[in-house]
Amino acid sequence: MDQNQDGFIDKEDLKATYASLGKINVKDKELDTMLKEALGPINFTMFLNMFGEKLSGTDMEEIILNAFKMLDPDGKSGVNKDYMERLLMSQADKTTAEEVDQTFQLATMDATGNLHYKALSYVTPTG
């Protein structure tokens, strides 16, 4: 999602994210409005909340699944556990090690340490 990897989501990042989900005709005005809704620079957690609101009519599990898919550009239905742990513990509403462990207990992992996120997206709390 963060194409320039600066830790924040900007207009071009938003456009690319919408496009990856099949919404390619997003108007610049809509993106500008979304950026103005934020109280400051948009980090990962703020982005997920705002993006979910913009996908009205989509169920929360699908939003979560699509967010996981953004972390899986090869479409292998898995995200490296260590990478996911670093994201959860370093972005915005930082998750504690205990919370990460609880989340991973719900997840299916393969022998190489990849989190299979599809099932997890249906048990992740949505608010």
N, C-alpha and C. Protein backbone atom coordinates (compact mmCIF):
# COMPACT_ATOMS: atom_id res chain seq x y z
N MET A 1 0.82 -1.19 0.00
CA MET A 1 0.00 0.00 0.00
C MET A 1 0.86 1.26 0.00
N ASP A 2 1.87 1.26 0.80
CA ASP A 2 2.76 2.41 0.91
C ASP A 2 3.86 2.27 -0.14
N GLN A 3 3.53 2.69 -1.36
CA GLN A 3 4.41 2.46 -2.50
C GLN A 3 5.81 3.05 -2.33
N ASN A 4 5.89 4.25 -1.75
CA ASN A 4 7.21 4.86 -1.57
C ASN A 4 7.85 4.50 -0.24
N GLN A 5 7.18 3.67 0.54
CA GLN A 5 7.69 3.11 1.79
C GLN A 5 8.19 4.17 2.77
N ASP A 6 7.42 5.25 2.89
CA ASP A 6 7.79 6.29 3.85
C ASP A 6 7.02 6.17 5.17
N GLY A 7 6.19 5.13 5.29
CA GLY A 7 5.42 4.92 6.51
C GLY A 7 4.07 5.58 6.52
N PHE A 8 3.74 6.29 5.43
CA PHE A 8 2.46 6.99 5.35
C PHE A 8 1.82 6.75 4.01
N ILE A 9 0.51 6.88 3.97
CA ILE A 9 -0.26 6.67 2.75
C ILE A 9 -0.58 8.04 2.15
N ASP A 10 -0.19 8.25 0.90
CA ASP A 10 -0.49 9.50 0.22
C ASP A 10 -1.46 9.24 -0.93
N LYS A 11 -1.74 10.26 -1.70
CA LYS A 11 -2.73 10.19 -2.78
C LYS A 11 -2.42 9.09 -3.79
N GLU A 12 -1.19 8.99 -4.21
CA GLU A 12 -0.82 7.96 -5.19
C GLU A 12 -0.94 6.56 -4.61
N ASP A 13 -0.62 6.42 -3.32
CA ASP A 13 -0.79 5.14 -2.66
C ASP A 13 -2.27 4.74 -2.63
N LEU A 14 -3.14 5.70 -2.31
CA LEU A 14 -4.57 5.43 -2.28
C LEU A 14 -5.07 5.00 -3.66
N LYS A 15 -4.65 5.71 -4.67
CA LYS A 15 -5.08 5.40 -6.04
C LYS A 15 -4.66 3.97 -6.41
N ALA A 16 -3.44 3.60 -6.08
CA ALA A 16 -2.94 2.26 -6.40
C ALA A 16 -3.70 1.19 -5.61
N THR A 17 -4.05 1.48 -4.38
CA THR A 17 -4.78 0.52 -3.56
C THR A 17 -6.18 0.29 -4.12
N TYR A 18 -6.87 1.37 -4.44
CA TYR A 18 -8.19 1.22 -5.05
C TYR A 18 -8.09 0.41 -6.35
N ALA A 19 -7.11 0.71 -7.17
CA ALA A 19 -6.94 0.00 -8.44
C ALA A 19 -6.71 -1.49 -8.21
N SER A 20 -5.94 -1.84 -7.20
CA SER A 20 -5.67 -3.25 -6.93
C SER A 20 -6.92 -4.00 -6.50
N LEU A 21 -7.91 -3.26 -6.00
CA LEU A 21 -9.18 -3.87 -5.61
C LEU A 21 -10.24 -3.75 -6.70
N GLY A 22 -9.83 -3.29 -7.87
CA GLY A 22 -10.73 -3.24 -9.01
C GLY A 22 -11.47 -1.94 -9.21
N LYS A 23 -11.23 -0.96 -8.37
CA LYS A 23 -11.88 0.34 -8.51
C LYS A 23 -10.89 1.30 -9.14
N ILE A 24 -10.95 1.41 -10.48
CA ILE A 24 -9.92 2.18 -11.18
C ILE A 24 -10.33 3.60 -11.55
N ASN A 25 -11.58 3.93 -11.41
CA ASN A 25 -12.05 5.25 -11.80
C ASN A 25 -12.27 6.18 -10.61
N VAL A 26 -11.39 6.10 -9.63
CA VAL A 26 -11.51 6.96 -8.46
C VAL A 26 -11.04 8.36 -8.85
N LYS A 27 -11.87 9.33 -8.58
CA LYS A 27 -11.57 10.70 -8.95
C LYS A 27 -10.60 11.33 -7.94
N ASP A 28 -9.73 12.19 -8.45
CA ASP A 28 -8.77 12.89 -7.60
C ASP A 28 -9.48 13.65 -6.48
N LYS A 29 -10.63 14.21 -6.79
CA LYS A 29 -11.38 14.97 -5.79
C LYS A 29 -11.78 14.06 -4.62
N GLU A 30 -12.19 12.83 -4.93
CA GLU A 30 -12.56 11.88 -3.88
C GLU A 30 -11.34 11.53 -3.01
N LEU A 31 -10.19 11.34 -3.65
CA LEU A 31 -8.97 11.03 -2.91
C LEU A 31 -8.54 12.22 -2.06
N ASP A 32 -8.63 13.43 -2.62
CA ASP A 32 -8.28 14.64 -1.86
C ASP A 32 -9.18 14.79 -0.64
N THR A 33 -10.48 14.53 -0.84
CA THR A 33 -11.43 14.61 0.27
C THR A 33 -11.07 13.61 1.35
N MET A 34 -10.72 12.39 0.93
CA MET A 34 -10.35 11.36 1.89
C MET A 34 -9.11 11.77 2.68
N LEU A 35 -8.12 12.32 1.98
CA LEU A 35 -6.90 12.75 2.66
C LEU A 35 -7.18 13.88 3.65
N LYS A 36 -8.14 14.76 3.31
CA LYS A 36 -8.48 15.87 4.20
C LYS A 36 -9.23 15.41 5.44
N GLU A 37 -9.86 14.21 5.37
CA GLU A 37 -10.58 13.68 6.53
C GLU A 37 -9.64 13.28 7.65
N ALA A 38 -8.42 12.98 7.31
CA ALA A 38 -7.44 12.57 8.32
C ALA A 38 -6.99 13.76 9.14
N LEU A 39 -6.71 13.50 10.40
CA LEU A 39 -6.26 14.57 11.29
C LEU A 39 -4.79 14.90 11.08
N GLY A 40 -4.09 14.07 10.34
CA GLY A 40 -2.67 14.26 10.06
C GLY A 40 -2.25 13.27 9.00
N PRO A 41 -0.98 12.99 8.91
CA PRO A 41 -0.52 12.00 7.94
C PRO A 41 -1.20 10.65 8.18
N ILE A 42 -1.50 9.95 7.13
CA ILE A 42 -2.24 8.69 7.23
C ILE A 42 -1.26 7.53 7.39
N ASN A 43 -1.29 6.91 8.58
CA ASN A 43 -0.49 5.71 8.79
C ASN A 43 -1.36 4.48 8.49
N PHE A 44 -0.82 3.29 8.70
CA PHE A 44 -1.48 2.05 8.32
C PHE A 44 -2.84 1.87 9.00
N THR A 45 -2.93 2.06 10.31
CA THR A 45 -4.18 1.85 11.04
C THR A 45 -5.24 2.85 10.62
N MET A 46 -4.85 4.11 10.53
CA MET A 46 -5.80 5.13 10.10
C MET A 46 -6.31 4.82 8.69
N PHE A 47 -5.39 4.38 7.85
CA PHE A 47 -5.75 4.02 6.48
C PHE A 47 -6.82 2.94 6.45
N LEU A 48 -6.63 1.86 7.21
CA LEU A 48 -7.60 0.75 7.19
C LEU A 48 -8.98 1.22 7.63
N ASN A 49 -9.03 2.06 8.66
CA ASN A 49 -10.32 2.58 9.13
C ASN A 49 -10.99 3.44 8.07
N MET A 50 -10.23 4.35 7.49
CA MET A 50 -10.79 5.25 6.49
C MET A 50 -11.18 4.49 5.22
N PHE A 51 -10.34 3.57 4.81
CA PHE A 51 -10.61 2.80 3.59
C PHE A 51 -11.86 1.96 3.76
N GLY A 52 -12.02 1.37 4.93
CA GLY A 52 -13.20 0.56 5.20
C GLY A 52 -14.48 1.37 5.09
N GLU A 53 -14.45 2.60 5.57
CA GLU A 53 -15.61 3.47 5.47
C GLU A 53 -15.95 3.78 4.01
N LYS A 54 -14.93 3.90 3.17
CA LYS A 54 -15.14 4.23 1.76
C LYS A 54 -15.68 3.06 0.96
N LEU A 55 -15.51 1.86 1.47
CA LEU A 55 -16.00 0.68 0.78
C LEU A 55 -17.37 0.29 1.33
N SER A 56 -18.24 1.27 1.49
CA SER A 56 -19.55 0.99 2.06
C SER A 56 -20.27 -0.06 1.23
N GLY A 57 -21.01 -0.91 1.92
CA GLY A 57 -21.69 -1.99 1.25
C GLY A 57 -20.87 -3.26 1.19
N THR A 58 -19.61 -3.18 1.56
CA THR A 58 -18.74 -4.35 1.58
C THR A 58 -18.70 -4.87 3.00
N ASP A 59 -18.79 -6.19 3.18
CA ASP A 59 -18.75 -6.68 4.55
C ASP A 59 -17.34 -6.57 5.12
N MET A 60 -17.26 -6.45 6.42
CA MET A 60 -15.99 -6.20 7.08
C MET A 60 -14.98 -7.33 6.85
N GLU A 61 -15.47 -8.57 6.79
CA GLU A 61 -14.55 -9.68 6.55
C GLU A 61 -13.87 -9.52 5.19
N GLU A 62 -14.62 -9.07 4.21
CA GLU A 62 -14.06 -8.87 2.87
C GLU A 62 -13.04 -7.74 2.88
N ILE A 63 -13.31 -6.69 3.64
CA ILE A 63 -12.36 -5.58 3.76
C ILE A 63 -11.06 -6.07 4.39
N ILE A 64 -11.19 -6.85 5.45
CA ILE A 64 -9.99 -7.38 6.12
C ILE A 64 -9.23 -8.31 5.19
N LEU A 65 -9.96 -9.17 4.49
CA LEU A 65 -9.31 -10.09 3.54
C LEU A 65 -8.57 -9.30 2.47
N ASN A 66 -9.17 -8.25 1.94
CA ASN A 66 -8.52 -7.43 0.92
C ASN A 66 -7.29 -6.71 1.47
N ALA A 67 -7.36 -6.31 2.74
CA ALA A 67 -6.19 -5.67 3.36
C ALA A 67 -5.04 -6.68 3.45
N PHE A 68 -5.34 -7.90 3.85
CA PHE A 68 -4.31 -8.94 3.88
C PHE A 68 -3.75 -9.20 2.48
N LYS A 69 -4.62 -9.20 1.48
CA LYS A 69 -4.16 -9.45 0.11
C LYS A 69 -3.17 -8.39 -0.35
N MET A 70 -3.29 -7.18 0.18
CA MET A 70 -2.34 -6.12 -0.18
C MET A 70 -0.94 -6.47 0.32
N LEU A 71 -0.86 -7.28 1.36
CA LEU A 71 0.42 -7.70 1.91
C LEU A 71 0.93 -8.98 1.24
N ASP A 72 0.17 -9.48 0.27
CA ASP A 72 0.49 -10.73 -0.42
C ASP A 72 0.49 -10.50 -1.93
N PRO A 73 1.44 -9.72 -2.44
CA PRO A 73 1.42 -9.36 -3.87
C PRO A 73 1.56 -10.55 -4.81
N ASP A 74 2.10 -11.67 -4.32
CA ASP A 74 2.24 -12.85 -5.18
C ASP A 74 0.99 -13.72 -5.18
N GLY A 75 0.00 -13.38 -4.36
CA GLY A 75 -1.25 -14.13 -4.33
C GLY A 75 -1.11 -15.54 -3.80
N LYS A 76 -0.23 -15.76 -2.84
CA LYS A 76 0.01 -17.09 -2.30
C LYS A 76 -0.88 -17.41 -1.10
N SER A 77 -1.78 -16.49 -0.74
CA SER A 77 -2.68 -16.64 0.40
C SER A 77 -1.94 -16.75 1.73
N GLY A 78 -0.74 -16.19 1.77
CA GLY A 78 0.03 -16.22 3.00
C GLY A 78 0.90 -14.99 3.15
N VAL A 79 1.13 -14.60 4.40
CA VAL A 79 2.00 -13.48 4.72
C VAL A 79 2.99 -14.00 5.76
N ASN A 80 4.25 -13.68 5.59
CA ASN A 80 5.27 -14.14 6.52
C ASN A 80 4.93 -13.69 7.94
N LYS A 81 4.95 -14.64 8.86
CA LYS A 81 4.58 -14.37 10.26
C LYS A 81 5.45 -13.27 10.87
N ASP A 82 6.76 -13.33 10.65
CA ASP A 82 7.66 -12.33 11.24
C ASP A 82 7.37 -10.94 10.69
N TYR A 83 7.11 -10.86 9.38
CA TYR A 83 6.78 -9.58 8.75
C TYR A 83 5.48 -9.02 9.34
N MET A 84 4.48 -9.89 9.47
CA MET A 84 3.19 -9.46 10.01
C MET A 84 3.34 -9.00 11.46
N GLU A 85 4.14 -9.72 12.22
CA GLU A 85 4.38 -9.34 13.61
C GLU A 85 5.03 -7.95 13.69
N ARG A 86 6.04 -7.71 12.83
CA ARG A 86 6.70 -6.39 12.81
C ARG A 86 5.70 -5.30 12.47
N LEU A 87 4.83 -5.55 11.48
CA LEU A 87 3.82 -4.55 11.12
C LEU A 87 2.89 -4.25 12.29
N LEU A 88 2.37 -5.31 12.89
CA LEU A 88 1.40 -5.14 13.97
C LEU A 88 2.00 -4.42 15.18
N MET A 89 3.27 -4.64 15.42
CA MET A 89 3.88 -4.05 16.61
C MET A 89 4.54 -2.70 16.36
N SER A 90 4.57 -2.25 15.11
CA SER A 90 5.27 -0.99 14.83
C SER A 90 4.39 0.08 14.21
N GLN A 91 3.20 -0.23 13.78
CA GLN A 91 2.36 0.73 13.09
C GLN A 91 1.29 1.30 14.00
N ALA A 92 1.10 2.57 13.98
CA ALA A 92 0.03 3.33 14.63
C ALA A 92 -0.42 2.75 15.97
N ASP A 93 -1.57 2.07 16.00
CA ASP A 93 -2.09 1.48 17.23
C ASP A 93 -1.30 0.20 17.48
N LYS A 94 -0.11 0.36 17.98
CA LYS A 94 0.82 -0.76 18.12
C LYS A 94 0.20 -1.90 18.94
N THR A 95 0.31 -3.09 18.42
CA THR A 95 -0.18 -4.28 19.07
C THR A 95 0.91 -4.81 20.00
N THR A 96 0.50 -5.29 21.16
CA THR A 96 1.48 -5.85 22.09
C THR A 96 1.88 -7.25 21.64
N ALA A 97 2.99 -7.74 22.16
CA ALA A 97 3.45 -9.10 21.84
C ALA A 97 2.39 -10.13 22.25
N GLU A 98 1.73 -9.90 23.38
CA GLU A 98 0.68 -10.81 23.84
C GLU A 98 -0.50 -10.83 22.86
N GLU A 99 -0.90 -9.66 22.37
CA GLU A 99 -2.00 -9.59 21.40
C GLU A 99 -1.63 -10.28 20.09
N VAL A 100 -0.38 -10.10 19.67
CA VAL A 100 0.08 -10.76 18.46
C VAL A 100 0.04 -12.27 18.64
N ASP A 101 0.51 -12.76 19.79
CA ASP A 101 0.49 -14.20 20.06
C ASP A 101 -0.94 -14.74 20.05
N GLN A 102 -1.87 -13.98 20.64
CA GLN A 102 -3.27 -14.41 20.65
C GLN A 102 -3.82 -14.49 19.23
N THR A 103 -3.49 -13.51 18.41
CA THR A 103 -3.94 -13.50 17.02
C THR A 103 -3.36 -14.69 16.27
N PHE A 104 -2.09 -14.95 16.45
CA PHE A 104 -1.44 -16.04 15.73
C PHE A 104 -1.95 -17.41 16.19
N GLN A 105 -2.48 -17.49 17.40
CA GLN A 105 -3.07 -18.76 17.85
C GLN A 105 -4.31 -19.11 17.04
N LEU A 106 -4.97 -18.10 16.49
CA LEU A 106 -6.15 -18.31 15.67
C LEU A 106 -5.81 -18.63 14.21
N ALA A 107 -4.55 -18.42 13.86
CA ALA A 107 -4.13 -18.52 12.47
C ALA A 107 -3.54 -19.88 12.14
N THR A 108 -3.66 -20.23 10.89
CA THR A 108 -3.00 -21.42 10.37
C THR A 108 -1.67 -20.98 9.78
N MET A 109 -0.61 -21.66 10.18
CA MET A 109 0.73 -21.34 9.68
C MET A 109 1.26 -22.55 8.92
N ASP A 110 2.03 -22.28 7.87
CA ASP A 110 2.69 -23.39 7.19
C ASP A 110 4.09 -23.58 7.77
N ALA A 111 4.80 -24.58 7.30
CA ALA A 111 6.12 -24.92 7.85
C ALA A 111 7.15 -23.82 7.65
N THR A 112 6.93 -22.95 6.67
CA THR A 112 7.89 -21.87 6.41
C THR A 112 7.57 -20.59 7.19
N GLY A 113 6.54 -20.62 8.02
CA GLY A 113 6.21 -19.47 8.84
C GLY A 113 5.29 -18.46 8.17
N ASN A 114 4.53 -18.92 7.18
CA ASN A 114 3.57 -18.04 6.52
C ASN A 114 2.20 -18.17 7.15
N LEU A 115 1.60 -17.04 7.45
CA LEU A 115 0.27 -16.95 8.03
C LEU A 115 -0.75 -17.07 6.89
N HIS A 116 -1.62 -18.05 6.98
CA HIS A 116 -2.70 -18.18 5.99
C HIS A 116 -3.86 -17.32 6.48
N TYR A 117 -4.03 -16.19 5.83
CA TYR A 117 -4.88 -15.13 6.36
C TYR A 117 -6.36 -15.26 6.04
N LYS A 118 -6.75 -16.09 5.11
CA LYS A 118 -8.17 -16.13 4.72
C LYS A 118 -9.06 -16.50 5.91
N ALA A 119 -8.75 -17.57 6.60
CA ALA A 119 -9.57 -17.97 7.75
C ALA A 119 -9.48 -16.92 8.86
N LEU A 120 -8.30 -16.36 9.04
CA LEU A 120 -8.11 -15.36 10.09
C LEU A 120 -8.97 -14.12 9.83
N SER A 121 -9.17 -13.76 8.57
CA SER A 121 -9.95 -12.56 8.27
C SER A 121 -11.40 -12.68 8.70
N TYR A 122 -11.88 -13.91 8.91
CA TYR A 122 -13.26 -14.11 9.34
C TYR A 122 -13.41 -14.18 10.84
N VAL A 123 -12.30 -14.19 11.59
CA VAL A 123 -12.39 -14.20 13.05
C VAL A 123 -11.77 -12.95 13.66
N THR A 124 -11.18 -12.08 12.85
CA THR A 124 -10.58 -10.86 13.36
C THR A 124 -11.67 -9.89 13.81
N PRO A 125 -11.57 -9.37 15.04
CA PRO A 125 -12.58 -8.42 15.51
C PRO A 125 -12.65 -7.21 14.58
N THR A 126 -13.87 -6.74 14.31
CA THR A 126 -14.05 -5.64 13.37
C THR A 126 -14.63 -4.41 14.04
N GLY A 127 -14.47 -4.27 15.28
CA GLY A 127 -14.92 -3.04 15.88
C GLY A 127 -15.56 -3.23 17.13
